[in-house]
Amino acid sequence: MEAMREGLMPHITVSDAAAAIDFYKKAFDAIEVACHLAPDGKRIMHARLDLFDSVLMLNDDFPEYCGGKSNTPQALTGSPVTLHLQVNDARKVWDSAVAAGANVMMPLQEQFWGDLYGVFTDPFGHRWSIGQRVKQLSDSEIQEGAKEAFQHAQPA
């Protein structure tokens, strides 16, 4: 049995864990390390994927253990959490995720802080961002860029 490594490992709940595993394999070249079915033989109670030197854990929804309430982003009408991937080739990862079925929220483009950056939701409602450093900027350059970018933002 492989020892569990230390670190922050997101653990997400999805509406269809088997389909989610397939999506993450296609989108991120994830490697399925473990997958355990619940006693019902249908739902996945725990899966571990390795991607980009990180671990993502996931499971199917089990509302019967949460007061009868679903915990998927769809049931909660979204999630305040963004899973960020900092990568060496953002365009490649982005294109792969979009081809696998990701829904673009913010197109991949150069940002004022020096990253090629974009945001999408996966087919299960989880929000992801992809970043790649393309320019090394000073703090003052980033502040100036932020002033310009936020100047055009419309308050909610």
N, C-alpha and C. Protein backbone atom coordinates (compact mmCIF):
# COMPACT_ATOMS: atom_id res chain seq x y z
N MET A 1 0.84 -1.18 0.00
CA MET A 1 0.00 0.00 0.00
C MET A 1 0.89 1.24 0.00
N GLU A 2 0.58 2.17 -0.90
CA GLU A 2 1.35 3.40 -1.03
C GLU A 2 1.05 4.33 0.15
N ALA A 3 2.10 4.93 0.71
CA ALA A 3 1.92 5.88 1.80
C ALA A 3 1.29 7.16 1.25
N MET A 4 0.39 7.75 2.02
CA MET A 4 -0.23 9.01 1.61
C MET A 4 0.75 10.13 1.86
N ARG A 5 0.96 10.97 0.86
CA ARG A 5 1.89 12.07 1.03
C ARG A 5 1.20 13.24 1.71
N GLU A 6 2.00 14.11 2.31
CA GLU A 6 1.48 15.29 2.97
C GLU A 6 1.14 16.36 1.95
N GLY A 7 0.24 17.25 2.31
CA GLY A 7 -0.09 18.39 1.46
C GLY A 7 -1.58 18.63 1.40
N LEU A 8 -1.94 19.72 0.77
CA LEU A 8 -3.34 20.07 0.58
C LEU A 8 -3.87 19.29 -0.62
N MET A 9 -4.96 18.58 -0.40
CA MET A 9 -5.54 17.75 -1.46
C MET A 9 -7.03 18.02 -1.52
N PRO A 10 -7.49 18.73 -2.53
CA PRO A 10 -8.93 18.97 -2.65
C PRO A 10 -9.68 17.66 -2.75
N HIS A 11 -10.83 17.62 -2.10
CA HIS A 11 -11.71 16.45 -2.14
C HIS A 11 -13.09 16.98 -2.53
N ILE A 12 -13.54 16.65 -3.72
CA ILE A 12 -14.78 17.22 -4.23
C ILE A 12 -15.87 16.18 -4.36
N THR A 13 -17.11 16.65 -4.28
CA THR A 13 -18.28 15.80 -4.48
C THR A 13 -18.86 16.14 -5.84
N VAL A 14 -19.18 15.11 -6.61
CA VAL A 14 -19.72 15.30 -7.96
C VAL A 14 -20.98 14.47 -8.14
N SER A 15 -21.74 14.81 -9.16
CA SER A 15 -23.00 14.12 -9.42
C SER A 15 -22.80 12.77 -10.11
N ASP A 16 -21.65 12.55 -10.72
CA ASP A 16 -21.37 11.30 -11.42
C ASP A 16 -19.85 11.08 -11.40
N ALA A 17 -19.37 10.45 -10.34
CA ALA A 17 -17.92 10.31 -10.14
C ALA A 17 -17.24 9.55 -11.27
N ALA A 18 -17.87 8.52 -11.80
CA ALA A 18 -17.24 7.77 -12.90
C ALA A 18 -17.04 8.67 -14.11
N ALA A 19 -18.04 9.48 -14.45
CA ALA A 19 -17.92 10.41 -15.58
C ALA A 19 -16.90 11.50 -15.26
N ALA A 20 -16.86 11.93 -14.01
CA ALA A 20 -15.88 12.96 -13.62
C ALA A 20 -14.46 12.42 -13.77
N ILE A 21 -14.23 11.20 -13.36
CA ILE A 21 -12.91 10.60 -13.52
C ILE A 21 -12.52 10.59 -15.00
N ASP A 22 -13.44 10.19 -15.85
CA ASP A 22 -13.16 10.19 -17.29
C ASP A 22 -12.84 11.59 -17.79
N PHE A 23 -13.62 12.59 -17.34
CA PHE A 23 -13.37 13.98 -17.75
C PHE A 23 -11.97 14.42 -17.33
N TYR A 24 -11.59 14.20 -16.07
CA TYR A 24 -10.29 14.66 -15.58
C TYR A 24 -9.14 13.92 -16.27
N LYS A 25 -9.37 12.68 -16.65
CA LYS A 25 -8.36 11.96 -17.42
C LYS A 25 -8.17 12.62 -18.79
N LYS A 26 -9.28 12.95 -19.45
CA LYS A 26 -9.20 13.58 -20.78
C LYS A 26 -8.69 15.01 -20.69
N ALA A 27 -9.20 15.77 -19.72
CA ALA A 27 -8.87 17.18 -19.62
C ALA A 27 -7.46 17.43 -19.12
N PHE A 28 -7.01 16.64 -18.15
CA PHE A 28 -5.74 16.92 -17.46
C PHE A 28 -4.74 15.78 -17.51
N ASP A 29 -5.01 14.74 -18.27
CA ASP A 29 -4.16 13.55 -18.27
C ASP A 29 -4.01 12.98 -16.85
N ALA A 30 -5.06 13.07 -16.07
CA ALA A 30 -5.03 12.56 -14.70
C ALA A 30 -4.82 11.05 -14.71
N ILE A 31 -4.20 10.58 -13.66
CA ILE A 31 -3.97 9.14 -13.48
C ILE A 31 -4.82 8.67 -12.32
N GLU A 32 -5.65 7.68 -12.57
CA GLU A 32 -6.49 7.12 -11.51
C GLU A 32 -5.64 6.20 -10.64
N VAL A 33 -5.49 6.58 -9.39
CA VAL A 33 -4.66 5.82 -8.45
C VAL A 33 -5.51 4.85 -7.64
N ALA A 34 -6.70 5.28 -7.26
CA ALA A 34 -7.59 4.44 -6.47
C ALA A 34 -9.04 4.79 -6.78
N CYS A 35 -9.90 3.78 -6.68
CA CYS A 35 -11.33 3.99 -6.87
C CYS A 35 -12.06 2.90 -6.11
N HIS A 36 -12.88 3.31 -5.14
CA HIS A 36 -13.58 2.36 -4.29
C HIS A 36 -15.08 2.60 -4.37
N LEU A 37 -15.81 1.56 -4.69
CA LEU A 37 -17.26 1.65 -4.76
C LEU A 37 -17.87 1.55 -3.37
N ALA A 38 -19.00 2.20 -3.21
CA ALA A 38 -19.79 2.07 -1.99
C ALA A 38 -20.42 0.68 -1.98
N PRO A 39 -20.92 0.23 -0.83
CA PRO A 39 -21.55 -1.09 -0.77
C PRO A 39 -22.70 -1.28 -1.75
N ASP A 40 -23.32 -0.18 -2.23
CA ASP A 40 -24.41 -0.34 -3.21
C ASP A 40 -23.88 -0.79 -4.57
N GLY A 41 -22.54 -0.76 -4.75
CA GLY A 41 -21.93 -1.22 -5.98
C GLY A 41 -22.11 -0.28 -7.16
N LYS A 42 -22.70 0.88 -6.92
CA LYS A 42 -22.98 1.83 -7.99
C LYS A 42 -22.21 3.13 -7.84
N ARG A 43 -22.23 3.68 -6.65
CA ARG A 43 -21.61 4.98 -6.43
C ARG A 43 -20.17 4.82 -5.96
N ILE A 44 -19.37 5.79 -6.32
CA ILE A 44 -17.97 5.80 -5.89
C ILE A 44 -17.89 6.56 -4.57
N MET A 45 -17.40 5.85 -3.55
CA MET A 45 -17.28 6.49 -2.24
C MET A 45 -15.94 7.23 -2.11
N HIS A 46 -14.95 6.82 -2.90
CA HIS A 46 -13.66 7.51 -2.85
C HIS A 46 -12.86 7.17 -4.11
N ALA A 47 -12.32 8.21 -4.70
CA ALA A 47 -11.38 8.02 -5.81
C ALA A 47 -10.24 9.01 -5.62
N ARG A 48 -9.07 8.58 -6.04
CA ARG A 48 -7.89 9.44 -5.99
C ARG A 48 -7.31 9.52 -7.39
N LEU A 49 -7.07 10.75 -7.83
CA LEU A 49 -6.43 11.00 -9.11
C LEU A 49 -5.16 11.80 -8.87
N ASP A 50 -4.12 11.48 -9.62
CA ASP A 50 -2.90 12.28 -9.60
C ASP A 50 -2.86 13.11 -10.87
N LEU A 51 -2.62 14.42 -10.72
CA LEU A 51 -2.50 15.30 -11.86
C LEU A 51 -1.58 16.45 -11.51
N PHE A 52 -0.64 16.75 -12.42
CA PHE A 52 0.29 17.87 -12.26
C PHE A 52 0.97 17.87 -10.88
N ASP A 53 1.52 16.76 -10.47
CA ASP A 53 2.20 16.64 -9.17
C ASP A 53 1.29 16.94 -7.99
N SER A 54 -0.01 16.79 -8.18
CA SER A 54 -0.99 17.03 -7.12
C SER A 54 -1.96 15.85 -7.04
N VAL A 55 -2.77 15.88 -6.00
CA VAL A 55 -3.77 14.85 -5.79
C VAL A 55 -5.15 15.52 -5.78
N LEU A 56 -6.09 14.91 -6.49
CA LEU A 56 -7.49 15.31 -6.42
C LEU A 56 -8.28 14.09 -5.98
N MET A 57 -9.03 14.26 -4.92
CA MET A 57 -9.89 13.17 -4.45
C MET A 57 -11.33 13.56 -4.75
N LEU A 58 -12.16 12.56 -5.02
CA LEU A 58 -13.55 12.85 -5.31
C LEU A 58 -14.43 11.68 -4.94
N ASN A 59 -15.71 11.98 -4.86
CA ASN A 59 -16.70 10.96 -4.56
C ASN A 59 -18.05 11.36 -5.16
N ASP A 60 -18.91 10.36 -5.31
CA ASP A 60 -20.29 10.63 -5.69
C ASP A 60 -20.99 11.29 -4.51
N ASP A 61 -22.13 11.87 -4.81
CA ASP A 61 -22.96 12.51 -3.80
C ASP A 61 -23.62 11.45 -2.93
N PHE A 62 -23.63 11.66 -1.63
CA PHE A 62 -24.28 10.77 -0.67
C PHE A 62 -25.18 11.61 0.23
N PRO A 63 -26.31 12.10 -0.31
CA PRO A 63 -27.17 12.98 0.49
C PRO A 63 -27.71 12.32 1.75
N GLU A 64 -27.82 11.01 1.74
CA GLU A 64 -28.35 10.31 2.92
C GLU A 64 -27.44 10.46 4.14
N TYR A 65 -26.19 10.87 3.93
CA TYR A 65 -25.28 11.10 5.05
C TYR A 65 -25.09 12.58 5.33
N CYS A 66 -25.87 13.42 4.66
CA CYS A 66 -25.76 14.87 4.81
C CYS A 66 -27.14 15.48 5.08
N GLY A 67 -27.91 14.82 5.93
CA GLY A 67 -29.23 15.33 6.27
C GLY A 67 -30.19 15.35 5.10
N GLY A 68 -29.96 14.49 4.11
CA GLY A 68 -30.82 14.41 2.94
C GLY A 68 -30.54 15.48 1.90
N LYS A 69 -29.47 16.24 2.09
CA LYS A 69 -29.16 17.34 1.16
C LYS A 69 -27.98 16.97 0.27
N SER A 70 -28.12 17.27 -1.00
CA SER A 70 -27.05 17.05 -1.96
C SER A 70 -25.95 18.08 -1.76
N ASN A 71 -24.71 17.69 -2.01
CA ASN A 71 -23.56 18.58 -1.85
C ASN A 71 -22.82 18.84 -3.15
N THR A 72 -23.48 18.64 -4.28
CA THR A 72 -22.82 18.92 -5.55
C THR A 72 -22.96 20.41 -5.87
N PRO A 73 -22.07 20.96 -6.68
CA PRO A 73 -22.23 22.37 -7.08
C PRO A 73 -23.56 22.64 -7.77
N GLN A 74 -24.07 21.68 -8.53
CA GLN A 74 -25.36 21.88 -9.19
C GLN A 74 -26.47 22.05 -8.15
N ALA A 75 -26.48 21.21 -7.13
CA ALA A 75 -27.51 21.29 -6.09
C ALA A 75 -27.37 22.56 -5.26
N LEU A 76 -26.15 23.02 -5.08
CA LEU A 76 -25.89 24.22 -4.29
C LEU A 76 -25.91 25.49 -5.15
N THR A 77 -26.23 25.35 -6.41
CA THR A 77 -26.22 26.42 -7.42
C THR A 77 -24.88 27.14 -7.47
N GLY A 78 -23.82 26.34 -7.52
CA GLY A 78 -22.47 26.88 -7.68
C GLY A 78 -21.59 26.56 -6.48
N SER A 79 -20.36 27.01 -6.58
CA SER A 79 -19.39 26.81 -5.52
C SER A 79 -18.51 28.05 -5.42
N PRO A 80 -18.18 28.48 -4.20
CA PRO A 80 -17.30 29.63 -4.06
C PRO A 80 -15.82 29.27 -4.23
N VAL A 81 -15.53 28.01 -4.47
CA VAL A 81 -14.15 27.53 -4.54
C VAL A 81 -13.71 27.42 -6.00
N THR A 82 -12.50 27.88 -6.29
CA THR A 82 -11.88 27.68 -7.59
C THR A 82 -10.66 26.80 -7.40
N LEU A 83 -10.56 25.74 -8.17
CA LEU A 83 -9.39 24.87 -8.16
C LEU A 83 -8.43 25.42 -9.21
N HIS A 84 -7.24 25.83 -8.78
CA HIS A 84 -6.29 26.46 -9.71
C HIS A 84 -5.17 25.51 -10.07
N LEU A 85 -4.84 25.48 -11.36
CA LEU A 85 -3.69 24.71 -11.85
C LEU A 85 -2.69 25.69 -12.45
N GLN A 86 -1.51 25.75 -11.88
CA GLN A 86 -0.41 26.53 -12.44
C GLN A 86 0.43 25.55 -13.25
N VAL A 87 0.54 25.79 -14.55
CA VAL A 87 1.15 24.82 -15.44
C VAL A 87 2.19 25.47 -16.34
N ASN A 88 2.96 24.64 -17.04
CA ASN A 88 3.99 25.14 -17.96
C ASN A 88 3.45 25.43 -19.35
N ASP A 89 2.30 24.82 -19.71
CA ASP A 89 1.71 25.03 -21.03
C ASP A 89 0.21 25.20 -20.87
N ALA A 90 -0.21 26.42 -20.52
CA ALA A 90 -1.62 26.70 -20.25
C ALA A 90 -2.49 26.44 -21.46
N ARG A 91 -2.02 26.80 -22.64
CA ARG A 91 -2.82 26.62 -23.85
C ARG A 91 -3.15 25.15 -24.07
N LYS A 92 -2.17 24.29 -23.89
CA LYS A 92 -2.39 22.85 -24.09
C LYS A 92 -3.41 22.31 -23.09
N VAL A 93 -3.25 22.66 -21.83
CA VAL A 93 -4.17 22.19 -20.79
C VAL A 93 -5.57 22.76 -21.04
N TRP A 94 -5.63 24.06 -21.35
CA TRP A 94 -6.90 24.72 -21.62
C TRP A 94 -7.64 24.05 -22.78
N ASP A 95 -6.94 23.87 -23.88
CA ASP A 95 -7.56 23.27 -25.06
C ASP A 95 -8.06 21.85 -24.77
N SER A 96 -7.31 21.11 -23.99
CA SER A 96 -7.69 19.75 -23.63
C SER A 96 -8.95 19.76 -22.77
N ALA A 97 -9.02 20.67 -21.80
CA ALA A 97 -10.18 20.75 -20.92
C ALA A 97 -11.43 21.17 -21.70
N VAL A 98 -11.28 22.15 -22.57
CA VAL A 98 -12.42 22.61 -23.37
C VAL A 98 -12.89 21.49 -24.31
N ALA A 99 -11.96 20.79 -24.92
CA ALA A 99 -12.32 19.68 -25.81
C ALA A 99 -13.03 18.56 -25.04
N ALA A 100 -12.69 18.41 -23.76
CA ALA A 100 -13.30 17.36 -22.94
C ALA A 100 -14.67 17.77 -22.42
N GLY A 101 -15.06 19.04 -22.59
CA GLY A 101 -16.40 19.46 -22.19
C GLY A 101 -16.47 20.58 -21.17
N ALA A 102 -15.35 21.25 -20.89
CA ALA A 102 -15.36 22.38 -19.95
C ALA A 102 -16.15 23.55 -20.54
N ASN A 103 -16.79 24.33 -19.67
CA ASN A 103 -17.56 25.50 -20.07
C ASN A 103 -16.78 26.76 -19.71
N VAL A 104 -16.36 27.53 -20.70
CA VAL A 104 -15.51 28.71 -20.50
C VAL A 104 -16.28 29.80 -19.77
N MET A 105 -15.70 30.29 -18.68
CA MET A 105 -16.26 31.42 -17.94
C MET A 105 -15.47 32.69 -18.22
N MET A 106 -14.16 32.55 -18.32
CA MET A 106 -13.25 33.67 -18.60
C MET A 106 -12.21 33.13 -19.57
N PRO A 107 -12.18 33.64 -20.80
CA PRO A 107 -11.26 33.09 -21.80
C PRO A 107 -9.79 33.15 -21.36
N LEU A 108 -9.03 32.21 -21.84
CA LEU A 108 -7.59 32.17 -21.57
C LEU A 108 -6.92 33.33 -22.31
N GLN A 109 -6.31 34.24 -21.55
CA GLN A 109 -5.60 35.37 -22.16
C GLN A 109 -4.60 35.94 -21.17
N GLU A 110 -3.69 36.75 -21.68
CA GLU A 110 -2.69 37.37 -20.80
C GLU A 110 -3.38 38.34 -19.86
N GLN A 111 -2.96 38.28 -18.59
CA GLN A 111 -3.55 39.10 -17.54
C GLN A 111 -2.52 40.10 -17.00
N PHE A 112 -3.03 41.09 -16.30
CA PHE A 112 -2.17 42.18 -15.81
C PHE A 112 -1.12 41.74 -14.81
N TRP A 113 -1.26 40.58 -14.21
CA TRP A 113 -0.27 40.11 -13.24
C TRP A 113 0.82 39.25 -13.87
N GLY A 114 0.76 39.07 -15.20
CA GLY A 114 1.83 38.37 -15.90
C GLY A 114 1.56 36.93 -16.26
N ASP A 115 0.36 36.46 -16.02
CA ASP A 115 0.01 35.08 -16.35
C ASP A 115 -0.89 35.02 -17.58
N LEU A 116 -0.75 33.95 -18.33
CA LEU A 116 -1.76 33.53 -19.28
C LEU A 116 -2.76 32.78 -18.40
N TYR A 117 -4.02 33.23 -18.36
CA TYR A 117 -4.96 32.78 -17.34
C TYR A 117 -6.37 32.72 -17.89
N GLY A 118 -7.12 31.70 -17.47
CA GLY A 118 -8.52 31.59 -17.83
C GLY A 118 -9.26 30.75 -16.80
N VAL A 119 -10.59 30.81 -16.85
CA VAL A 119 -11.43 30.11 -15.88
C VAL A 119 -12.52 29.36 -16.65
N PHE A 120 -12.81 28.13 -16.20
CA PHE A 120 -13.91 27.35 -16.76
C PHE A 120 -14.57 26.55 -15.66
N THR A 121 -15.77 26.05 -15.94
CA THR A 121 -16.39 25.08 -15.05
C THR A 121 -16.34 23.72 -15.75
N ASP A 122 -16.15 22.70 -14.94
CA ASP A 122 -16.17 21.35 -15.50
C ASP A 122 -17.64 20.91 -15.64
N PRO A 123 -17.90 19.79 -16.28
CA PRO A 123 -19.29 19.37 -16.48
C PRO A 123 -20.05 19.07 -15.18
N PHE A 124 -19.37 19.11 -14.05
CA PHE A 124 -19.98 18.77 -12.77
C PHE A 124 -20.16 20.01 -11.89
N GLY A 125 -19.86 21.19 -12.46
CA GLY A 125 -20.09 22.45 -11.77
C GLY A 125 -18.93 23.00 -10.98
N HIS A 126 -17.80 22.30 -10.97
CA HIS A 126 -16.64 22.81 -10.25
C HIS A 126 -15.88 23.80 -11.12
N ARG A 127 -15.46 24.90 -10.50
CA ARG A 127 -14.75 25.97 -11.23
C ARG A 127 -13.25 25.72 -11.14
N TRP A 128 -12.58 25.86 -12.28
CA TRP A 128 -11.14 25.67 -12.40
C TRP A 128 -10.52 26.91 -13.04
N SER A 129 -9.32 27.24 -12.63
CA SER A 129 -8.55 28.26 -13.34
C SER A 129 -7.22 27.63 -13.75
N ILE A 130 -6.73 28.10 -14.89
CA ILE A 130 -5.46 27.64 -15.44
C ILE A 130 -4.56 28.85 -15.55
N GLY A 131 -3.32 28.73 -15.10
CA GLY A 131 -2.38 29.84 -15.20
C GLY A 131 -1.00 29.37 -15.65
N GLN A 132 -0.34 30.25 -16.38
CA GLN A 132 1.05 30.03 -16.80
C GLN A 132 1.75 31.38 -16.77
N ARG A 133 2.85 31.46 -16.04
CA ARG A 133 3.61 32.72 -15.98
C ARG A 133 4.24 32.98 -17.33
N VAL A 134 3.95 34.16 -17.90
CA VAL A 134 4.53 34.53 -19.18
C VAL A 134 5.38 35.80 -19.08
N LYS A 135 5.17 36.58 -18.02
CA LYS A 135 5.97 37.79 -17.77
C LYS A 135 6.22 37.92 -16.28
N GLN A 136 7.44 38.25 -15.92
CA GLN A 136 7.75 38.50 -14.52
C GLN A 136 7.61 40.00 -14.30
N LEU A 137 6.62 40.41 -13.51
CA LEU A 137 6.35 41.82 -13.28
C LEU A 137 6.67 42.21 -11.84
N SER A 138 7.00 43.46 -11.64
CA SER A 138 7.24 43.97 -10.28
C SER A 138 5.89 44.21 -9.60
N ASP A 139 5.92 44.36 -8.28
CA ASP A 139 4.70 44.64 -7.54
C ASP A 139 4.05 45.93 -8.04
N SER A 140 4.85 46.93 -8.32
CA SER A 140 4.28 48.20 -8.78
C SER A 140 3.64 48.06 -10.17
N GLU A 141 4.23 47.25 -11.04
CA GLU A 141 3.63 47.01 -12.35
C GLU A 141 2.28 46.28 -12.21
N ILE A 142 2.23 45.34 -11.29
CA ILE A 142 0.98 44.61 -11.05
C ILE A 142 -0.08 45.56 -10.49
N GLN A 143 0.31 46.42 -9.55
CA GLN A 143 -0.63 47.40 -8.97
C GLN A 143 -1.18 48.33 -10.04
N GLU A 144 -0.33 48.80 -10.92
CA GLU A 144 -0.77 49.68 -12.01
C GLU A 144 -1.72 48.94 -12.95
N GLY A 145 -1.39 47.72 -13.26
CA GLY A 145 -2.26 46.91 -14.11
C GLY A 145 -3.61 46.66 -13.45
N ALA A 146 -3.60 46.41 -12.14
CA ALA A 146 -4.85 46.19 -11.40
C ALA A 146 -5.72 47.44 -11.42
N LYS A 147 -5.09 48.61 -11.22
CA LYS A 147 -5.86 49.86 -11.25
C LYS A 147 -6.58 50.02 -12.59
N GLU A 148 -5.87 49.75 -13.66
CA GLU A 148 -6.46 49.89 -14.98
C GLU A 148 -7.56 48.85 -15.20
N ALA A 149 -7.30 47.61 -14.81
CA ALA A 149 -8.29 46.54 -15.02
C ALA A 149 -9.55 46.78 -14.18
N PHE A 150 -9.39 47.19 -12.93
CA PHE A 150 -10.54 47.37 -12.05
C PHE A 150 -11.29 48.65 -12.37
N GLN A 151 -10.65 49.57 -13.01
CA GLN A 151 -11.29 50.83 -13.40
C GLN A 151 -12.46 50.56 -14.35
N HIS A 152 -12.33 49.51 -15.16
CA HIS A 152 -13.35 49.19 -16.16
C HIS A 152 -14.37 48.17 -15.67
N ALA A 153 -14.14 47.64 -14.46
CA ALA A 153 -15.06 46.63 -13.92
C ALA A 153 -16.36 47.28 -13.48
N GLN A 154 -17.44 46.59 -13.72
CA GLN A 154 -18.76 47.07 -13.31
C GLN A 154 -19.11 46.44 -11.96
N PRO A 155 -19.48 47.26 -10.96
CA PRO A 155 -19.87 46.67 -9.66
C PRO A 155 -21.11 45.80 -9.81
N ALA A 156 -21.16 44.78 -9.02
CA ALA A 156 -22.30 43.84 -9.07
C ALA A 156 -23.54 44.43 -8.43
